[in-house]
Amino acid sequence: MKIAIGNDHAGTKYKFAIMEMLKNMGHQIVNFGTDTNDSVDYPDHIHPVAEAVESGRVDTGIILCGSGNGAAITANKHQGIRAALCWNKELVVLARQHNDANILSLPARFISENQAMDYVKTFLETGFEGGRHLNRIKKIPV
């Protein structure tokens, strides 16, 4: 699977751990995030992830910022993007099963590195249920 990842300075440490895990799982990573802890503006690193997912150049995306909110809000400005802010495993599962989320947004300052890695694995391993949820998904674009 080809996965885009983007982050601001708050998510740099977790991004490197997630990238290593994903590479070990055999995935191809496209890194749009900052590689330092120097302060940056999250939209500069999140829009490219959303554009890559939206265009189909990648299969899915992982985005990180301090709260996860700014990253999710930015990604969701793009048509066809369903970025889900998740801070526990149940939310990750439901985001995939019910919302067919195509980008996972993680709040780096509110979860541990181990949780972040577990949520990414869960996101990638959980499928969309379709059915009644598909009808709802089709009503999202305006």
N, C-alpha and C. Protein backbone atom coordinates (compact mmCIF):
# COMPACT_ATOMS: atom_id res chain seq x y z
N MET A 1 0.85 -1.17 0.00
CA MET A 1 0.00 0.00 0.00
C MET A 1 0.90 1.24 0.00
N LYS A 2 0.47 2.26 -0.70
CA LYS A 2 1.20 3.52 -0.74
C LYS A 2 0.49 4.50 0.20
N ILE A 3 1.25 5.01 1.17
CA ILE A 3 0.67 5.82 2.24
C ILE A 3 1.39 7.16 2.32
N ALA A 4 0.62 8.25 2.31
CA ALA A 4 1.17 9.59 2.50
C ALA A 4 1.13 9.91 4.00
N ILE A 5 2.17 10.58 4.47
CA ILE A 5 2.20 10.99 5.87
C ILE A 5 2.62 12.45 5.93
N GLY A 6 1.95 13.19 6.81
CA GLY A 6 2.26 14.60 6.99
C GLY A 6 2.14 14.99 8.44
N ASN A 7 2.96 15.93 8.85
CA ASN A 7 2.96 16.33 10.26
C ASN A 7 3.54 17.72 10.41
N ASP A 8 3.19 18.33 11.55
CA ASP A 8 3.88 19.54 11.96
C ASP A 8 4.94 19.14 12.97
N HIS A 9 5.54 20.13 13.61
CA HIS A 9 6.62 19.89 14.57
C HIS A 9 6.20 19.01 15.74
N ALA A 10 4.93 19.07 16.15
CA ALA A 10 4.47 18.27 17.28
C ALA A 10 4.43 16.78 16.96
N GLY A 11 4.33 16.45 15.69
CA GLY A 11 4.20 15.05 15.31
C GLY A 11 5.45 14.40 14.73
N THR A 12 6.57 15.14 14.72
CA THR A 12 7.77 14.63 14.06
C THR A 12 8.26 13.31 14.66
N LYS A 13 8.37 13.23 15.96
CA LYS A 13 8.88 12.01 16.60
C LYS A 13 8.00 10.80 16.26
N TYR A 14 6.70 10.98 16.38
CA TYR A 14 5.78 9.88 16.10
C TYR A 14 5.83 9.50 14.63
N LYS A 15 5.98 10.50 13.76
CA LYS A 15 6.02 10.21 12.32
C LYS A 15 7.15 9.26 11.99
N PHE A 16 8.34 9.51 12.54
CA PHE A 16 9.47 8.64 12.24
C PHE A 16 9.22 7.22 12.72
N ALA A 17 8.62 7.06 13.89
CA ALA A 17 8.31 5.72 14.39
C ALA A 17 7.26 5.04 13.51
N ILE A 18 6.24 5.78 13.11
CA ILE A 18 5.18 5.23 12.24
C ILE A 18 5.76 4.84 10.88
N MET A 19 6.61 5.70 10.32
CA MET A 19 7.22 5.40 9.03
C MET A 19 8.04 4.11 9.09
N GLU A 20 8.81 3.95 10.14
CA GLU A 20 9.62 2.74 10.29
C GLU A 20 8.73 1.50 10.37
N MET A 21 7.67 1.59 11.17
CA MET A 21 6.75 0.48 11.30
C MET A 21 6.11 0.14 9.94
N LEU A 22 5.65 1.16 9.22
CA LEU A 22 4.99 0.94 7.94
C LEU A 22 5.95 0.34 6.92
N LYS A 23 7.18 0.80 6.90
CA LYS A 23 8.17 0.22 5.98
C LYS A 23 8.41 -1.24 6.31
N ASN A 24 8.49 -1.56 7.61
CA ASN A 24 8.68 -2.95 8.03
C ASN A 24 7.49 -3.83 7.66
N MET A 25 6.32 -3.21 7.51
CA MET A 25 5.12 -3.94 7.10
C MET A 25 5.04 -4.07 5.58
N GLY A 26 5.98 -3.46 4.87
CA GLY A 26 6.02 -3.56 3.42
C GLY A 26 5.32 -2.45 2.67
N HIS A 27 4.92 -1.40 3.36
CA HIS A 27 4.24 -0.29 2.71
C HIS A 27 5.24 0.72 2.15
N GLN A 28 4.81 1.44 1.15
CA GLN A 28 5.60 2.53 0.57
C GLN A 28 5.11 3.84 1.18
N ILE A 29 6.03 4.68 1.62
CA ILE A 29 5.68 5.91 2.32
C ILE A 29 6.07 7.13 1.48
N VAL A 30 5.17 8.11 1.43
CA VAL A 30 5.47 9.41 0.84
C VAL A 30 5.40 10.42 1.98
N ASN A 31 6.54 11.00 2.32
CA ASN A 31 6.66 11.89 3.47
C ASN A 31 6.48 13.35 3.06
N PHE A 32 5.38 13.95 3.49
CA PHE A 32 5.13 15.36 3.24
C PHE A 32 5.35 16.20 4.50
N GLY A 33 5.70 15.56 5.59
CA GLY A 33 5.82 16.27 6.86
C GLY A 33 7.18 16.89 7.08
N THR A 34 7.23 17.73 8.11
CA THR A 34 8.52 18.29 8.51
C THR A 34 9.32 17.20 9.20
N ASP A 35 10.63 17.29 9.08
CA ASP A 35 11.51 16.31 9.69
C ASP A 35 12.23 16.87 10.91
N THR A 36 11.83 18.06 11.35
CA THR A 36 12.46 18.69 12.51
C THR A 36 11.42 19.06 13.55
N ASN A 37 11.89 19.51 14.69
CA ASN A 37 11.00 19.99 15.74
C ASN A 37 10.82 21.51 15.68
N ASP A 38 11.38 22.15 14.66
CA ASP A 38 11.21 23.60 14.49
C ASP A 38 9.76 23.89 14.13
N SER A 39 9.21 24.93 14.71
CA SER A 39 7.81 25.29 14.50
C SER A 39 7.51 25.53 13.02
N VAL A 40 6.44 24.91 12.55
CA VAL A 40 5.96 25.09 11.17
C VAL A 40 4.44 25.23 11.20
N ASP A 41 3.89 25.64 10.09
CA ASP A 41 2.43 25.76 9.94
C ASP A 41 1.89 24.44 9.38
N TYR A 42 1.03 23.77 10.15
CA TYR A 42 0.55 22.44 9.75
C TYR A 42 -0.09 22.40 8.38
N PRO A 43 -0.84 23.42 7.91
CA PRO A 43 -1.45 23.28 6.58
C PRO A 43 -0.43 23.04 5.47
N ASP A 44 0.78 23.58 5.63
CA ASP A 44 1.80 23.40 4.59
C ASP A 44 2.17 21.93 4.41
N HIS A 45 1.95 21.11 5.43
CA HIS A 45 2.33 19.71 5.38
C HIS A 45 1.13 18.76 5.29
N ILE A 46 -0.07 19.31 5.51
CA ILE A 46 -1.28 18.48 5.48
C ILE A 46 -1.96 18.55 4.11
N HIS A 47 -2.01 19.74 3.50
CA HIS A 47 -2.62 19.85 2.17
C HIS A 47 -2.00 18.87 1.17
N PRO A 48 -0.68 18.71 1.12
CA PRO A 48 -0.11 17.75 0.16
C PRO A 48 -0.57 16.30 0.41
N VAL A 49 -0.77 15.93 1.65
CA VAL A 49 -1.28 14.58 1.95
C VAL A 49 -2.68 14.44 1.39
N ALA A 50 -3.54 15.41 1.69
CA ALA A 50 -4.92 15.36 1.21
C ALA A 50 -4.98 15.35 -0.31
N GLU A 51 -4.13 16.14 -0.95
CA GLU A 51 -4.10 16.17 -2.42
C GLU A 51 -3.66 14.82 -2.99
N ALA A 52 -2.70 14.18 -2.34
CA ALA A 52 -2.22 12.88 -2.82
C ALA A 52 -3.30 11.81 -2.67
N VAL A 53 -4.03 11.82 -1.56
CA VAL A 53 -5.12 10.86 -1.36
C VAL A 53 -6.25 11.16 -2.34
N GLU A 54 -6.62 12.43 -2.44
CA GLU A 54 -7.71 12.85 -3.30
C GLU A 54 -7.47 12.47 -4.77
N SER A 55 -6.24 12.62 -5.22
CA SER A 55 -5.90 12.33 -6.62
C SER A 55 -5.70 10.85 -6.89
N GLY A 56 -5.57 10.04 -5.84
CA GLY A 56 -5.33 8.62 -6.02
C GLY A 56 -3.86 8.26 -6.16
N ARG A 57 -2.96 9.24 -6.00
CA ARG A 57 -1.53 8.94 -6.08
C ARG A 57 -1.07 8.05 -4.93
N VAL A 58 -1.83 8.10 -3.82
CA VAL A 58 -1.58 7.21 -2.68
C VAL A 58 -2.90 6.58 -2.29
N ASP A 59 -2.82 5.51 -1.50
CA ASP A 59 -4.02 4.80 -1.09
C ASP A 59 -4.70 5.41 0.12
N THR A 60 -3.91 5.97 1.02
CA THR A 60 -4.45 6.54 2.25
C THR A 60 -3.43 7.50 2.84
N GLY A 61 -3.83 8.17 3.93
CA GLY A 61 -2.93 9.12 4.56
C GLY A 61 -2.98 9.07 6.07
N ILE A 62 -1.87 9.46 6.67
CA ILE A 62 -1.74 9.60 8.12
C ILE A 62 -1.25 11.02 8.36
N ILE A 63 -1.95 11.76 9.24
CA ILE A 63 -1.55 13.12 9.54
C ILE A 63 -1.46 13.32 11.05
N LEU A 64 -0.53 14.14 11.47
CA LEU A 64 -0.32 14.38 12.89
C LEU A 64 -0.06 15.85 13.16
N CYS A 65 -0.65 16.34 14.22
CA CYS A 65 -0.30 17.64 14.77
C CYS A 65 -0.56 17.55 16.27
N GLY A 66 -0.37 18.63 16.99
CA GLY A 66 -0.49 18.57 18.44
C GLY A 66 -1.82 18.02 18.92
N SER A 67 -2.91 18.62 18.46
CA SER A 67 -4.24 18.17 18.88
C SER A 67 -4.90 17.27 17.86
N GLY A 68 -4.38 17.25 16.66
CA GLY A 68 -5.01 16.51 15.56
C GLY A 68 -6.13 17.28 14.90
N ASN A 69 -6.63 18.31 15.58
CA ASN A 69 -7.76 19.08 15.05
C ASN A 69 -7.39 19.89 13.82
N GLY A 70 -6.32 20.66 13.90
CA GLY A 70 -5.93 21.49 12.75
C GLY A 70 -5.64 20.66 11.53
N ALA A 71 -4.98 19.53 11.74
CA ALA A 71 -4.66 18.64 10.62
C ALA A 71 -5.93 18.09 9.98
N ALA A 72 -6.87 17.63 10.82
CA ALA A 72 -8.13 17.08 10.30
C ALA A 72 -8.95 18.15 9.58
N ILE A 73 -9.04 19.32 10.17
CA ILE A 73 -9.81 20.41 9.55
C ILE A 73 -9.21 20.75 8.19
N THR A 74 -7.90 20.85 8.12
CA THR A 74 -7.23 21.18 6.86
C THR A 74 -7.49 20.11 5.81
N ALA A 75 -7.30 18.86 6.16
CA ALA A 75 -7.49 17.77 5.19
C ALA A 75 -8.92 17.71 4.70
N ASN A 76 -9.87 17.96 5.59
CA ASN A 76 -11.28 17.85 5.23
C ASN A 76 -11.77 18.99 4.35
N LYS A 77 -10.94 19.95 4.05
CA LYS A 77 -11.29 21.00 3.09
C LYS A 77 -11.27 20.46 1.66
N HIS A 78 -10.67 19.31 1.46
CA HIS A 78 -10.54 18.72 0.14
C HIS A 78 -11.72 17.80 -0.15
N GLN A 79 -12.31 17.92 -1.34
CA GLN A 79 -13.39 17.03 -1.75
C GLN A 79 -12.89 15.59 -1.76
N GLY A 80 -13.70 14.69 -1.32
CA GLY A 80 -13.34 13.29 -1.34
C GLY A 80 -12.50 12.84 -0.16
N ILE A 81 -12.15 13.76 0.70
CA ILE A 81 -11.36 13.40 1.88
C ILE A 81 -12.29 13.25 3.08
N ARG A 82 -12.06 12.18 3.80
CA ARG A 82 -12.76 11.93 5.05
C ARG A 82 -11.70 11.65 6.10
N ALA A 83 -11.15 12.73 6.65
CA ALA A 83 -10.11 12.62 7.67
C ALA A 83 -10.78 12.51 9.03
N ALA A 84 -10.38 11.50 9.78
CA ALA A 84 -10.97 11.25 11.10
C ALA A 84 -9.93 11.48 12.19
N LEU A 85 -10.27 12.35 13.12
CA LEU A 85 -9.45 12.59 14.30
C LEU A 85 -9.76 11.50 15.32
N CYS A 86 -8.76 10.71 15.67
CA CYS A 86 -8.97 9.57 16.56
C CYS A 86 -7.97 9.58 17.71
N TRP A 87 -8.48 9.39 18.91
CA TRP A 87 -7.63 9.36 20.10
C TRP A 87 -7.84 8.09 20.91
N ASN A 88 -8.64 7.15 20.37
CA ASN A 88 -8.72 5.81 20.97
C ASN A 88 -9.04 4.81 19.86
N LYS A 89 -8.82 3.55 20.17
CA LYS A 89 -8.93 2.50 19.15
C LYS A 89 -10.36 2.35 18.62
N GLU A 90 -11.35 2.49 19.49
CA GLU A 90 -12.74 2.35 19.05
C GLU A 90 -13.08 3.41 17.99
N LEU A 91 -12.61 4.62 18.18
CA LEU A 91 -12.86 5.66 17.18
C LEU A 91 -12.20 5.32 15.85
N VAL A 92 -11.00 4.74 15.90
CA VAL A 92 -10.32 4.34 14.67
C VAL A 92 -11.15 3.30 13.92
N VAL A 93 -11.61 2.30 14.64
CA VAL A 93 -12.41 1.23 14.02
C VAL A 93 -13.68 1.81 13.41
N LEU A 94 -14.39 2.64 14.15
CA LEU A 94 -15.64 3.21 13.64
C LEU A 94 -15.41 4.16 12.47
N ALA A 95 -14.30 4.89 12.51
CA ALA A 95 -13.98 5.80 11.40
C ALA A 95 -13.83 5.03 10.10
N ARG A 96 -13.24 3.85 10.17
CA ARG A 96 -13.09 3.03 8.97
C ARG A 96 -14.38 2.30 8.64
N GLN A 97 -14.99 1.62 9.62
CA GLN A 97 -16.16 0.80 9.35
C GLN A 97 -17.36 1.62 8.89
N HIS A 98 -17.62 2.73 9.55
CA HIS A 98 -18.84 3.50 9.29
C HIS A 98 -18.64 4.71 8.40
N ASN A 99 -17.46 5.31 8.43
CA ASN A 99 -17.23 6.56 7.70
C ASN A 99 -16.30 6.41 6.51
N ASP A 100 -15.75 5.23 6.31
CA ASP A 100 -14.79 4.97 5.24
C ASP A 100 -13.71 6.06 5.23
N ALA A 101 -13.21 6.40 6.43
CA ALA A 101 -12.17 7.43 6.54
C ALA A 101 -10.98 7.04 5.68
N ASN A 102 -10.46 8.00 4.93
CA ASN A 102 -9.30 7.72 4.09
C ASN A 102 -8.04 8.41 4.57
N ILE A 103 -8.16 9.19 5.64
CA ILE A 103 -7.01 9.78 6.31
C ILE A 103 -7.23 9.67 7.81
N LEU A 104 -6.20 9.23 8.51
CA LEU A 104 -6.23 9.16 9.97
C LEU A 104 -5.48 10.35 10.54
N SER A 105 -6.14 11.12 11.38
CA SER A 105 -5.52 12.26 12.05
C SER A 105 -5.26 11.90 13.51
N LEU A 106 -4.01 12.07 13.94
CA LEU A 106 -3.63 11.70 15.30
C LEU A 106 -3.19 12.92 16.10
N PRO A 107 -3.62 13.00 17.37
CA PRO A 107 -3.25 14.10 18.25
C PRO A 107 -1.97 13.77 19.02
N ALA A 108 -0.83 14.14 18.49
CA ALA A 108 0.46 13.71 19.04
C ALA A 108 0.67 14.10 20.50
N ARG A 109 0.06 15.17 20.94
CA ARG A 109 0.26 15.60 22.33
C ARG A 109 -0.71 14.95 23.31
N PHE A 110 -1.58 14.08 22.83
CA PHE A 110 -2.60 13.49 23.69
C PHE A 110 -2.62 11.97 23.70
N ILE A 111 -1.75 11.35 22.90
CA ILE A 111 -1.65 9.89 22.88
C ILE A 111 -0.17 9.52 22.95
N SER A 112 0.10 8.29 23.34
CA SER A 112 1.48 7.82 23.39
C SER A 112 1.93 7.36 22.01
N GLU A 113 3.23 7.20 21.87
CA GLU A 113 3.77 6.69 20.61
C GLU A 113 3.24 5.29 20.33
N ASN A 114 3.17 4.45 21.36
CA ASN A 114 2.64 3.09 21.17
C ASN A 114 1.19 3.12 20.73
N GLN A 115 0.40 4.02 21.31
CA GLN A 115 -0.99 4.15 20.88
C GLN A 115 -1.06 4.58 19.42
N ALA A 116 -0.25 5.55 19.05
CA ALA A 116 -0.25 6.04 17.66
C ALA A 116 0.03 4.89 16.70
N MET A 117 1.01 4.08 17.02
CA MET A 117 1.36 2.97 16.13
C MET A 117 0.23 1.94 16.08
N ASP A 118 -0.38 1.66 17.22
CA ASP A 118 -1.51 0.73 17.27
C ASP A 118 -2.68 1.27 16.45
N TYR A 119 -2.96 2.55 16.55
CA TYR A 119 -4.08 3.15 15.81
C TYR A 119 -3.83 3.10 14.31
N VAL A 120 -2.59 3.32 13.89
CA VAL A 120 -2.27 3.24 12.47
C VAL A 120 -2.48 1.82 11.96
N LYS A 121 -2.00 0.82 12.69
CA LYS A 121 -2.21 -0.58 12.30
C LYS A 121 -3.69 -0.89 12.19
N THR A 122 -4.45 -0.47 13.19
CA THR A 122 -5.89 -0.72 13.20
C THR A 122 -6.56 -0.05 12.01
N PHE A 123 -6.19 1.18 11.73
CA PHE A 123 -6.75 1.93 10.60
C PHE A 123 -6.52 1.17 9.30
N LEU A 124 -5.32 0.65 9.11
CA LEU A 124 -4.99 -0.04 7.87
C LEU A 124 -5.63 -1.41 7.76
N GLU A 125 -5.91 -2.03 8.90
CA GLU A 125 -6.46 -3.40 8.90
C GLU A 125 -7.98 -3.45 8.94
N THR A 126 -8.63 -2.32 9.17
CA THR A 126 -10.09 -2.28 9.30
C THR A 126 -10.72 -1.86 7.99
N GLY A 127 -11.74 -2.58 7.58
CA GLY A 127 -12.42 -2.27 6.32
C GLY A 127 -13.71 -1.50 6.53
N PHE A 128 -14.20 -0.96 5.43
CA PHE A 128 -15.46 -0.23 5.40
C PHE A 128 -16.60 -1.24 5.30
N GLU A 129 -17.64 -1.08 6.12
CA GLU A 129 -18.77 -2.02 6.12
C GLU A 129 -19.72 -1.81 4.96
N GLY A 130 -19.74 -0.63 4.38
CA GLY A 130 -20.67 -0.36 3.29
C GLY A 130 -22.11 -0.35 3.78
N GLY A 131 -23.01 -0.91 2.99
CA GLY A 131 -24.43 -0.98 3.38
C GLY A 131 -25.01 0.39 3.65
N ARG A 132 -25.73 0.50 4.76
CA ARG A 132 -26.38 1.77 5.11
C ARG A 132 -25.38 2.91 5.25
N HIS A 133 -24.13 2.56 5.59
CA HIS A 133 -23.09 3.59 5.75
C HIS A 133 -22.71 4.20 4.40
N LEU A 134 -22.76 3.41 3.33
CA LEU A 134 -22.43 3.91 2.01
C LEU A 134 -23.39 5.02 1.60
N ASN A 135 -24.67 4.85 1.88
CA ASN A 135 -25.66 5.89 1.56
C ASN A 135 -25.31 7.20 2.25
N ARG A 136 -24.85 7.11 3.48
CA ARG A 136 -24.49 8.31 4.26
C ARG A 136 -23.24 8.97 3.68
N ILE A 137 -22.27 8.16 3.31
CA ILE A 137 -21.01 8.67 2.75
C ILE A 137 -21.31 9.43 1.46
N LYS A 138 -22.22 8.91 0.64
CA LYS A 138 -22.55 9.55 -0.62
C LYS A 138 -23.19 10.92 -0.43
N LYS A 139 -23.74 11.20 0.73
CA LYS A 139 -24.39 12.49 1.02
C LYS A 139 -23.41 13.55 1.52
N ILE A 140 -22.16 13.19 1.77
CA ILE A 140 -21.19 14.15 2.31
C ILE A 140 -20.78 15.23 1.32
N PRO A 141 -20.35 14.89 0.10
CA PRO A 141 -19.90 15.96 -0.82
C PRO A 141 -21.01 16.97 -1.12
N VAL A 142 -20.58 18.21 -1.28
CA VAL A 142 -21.57 19.26 -1.59
C VAL A 142 -21.38 19.79 -2.98
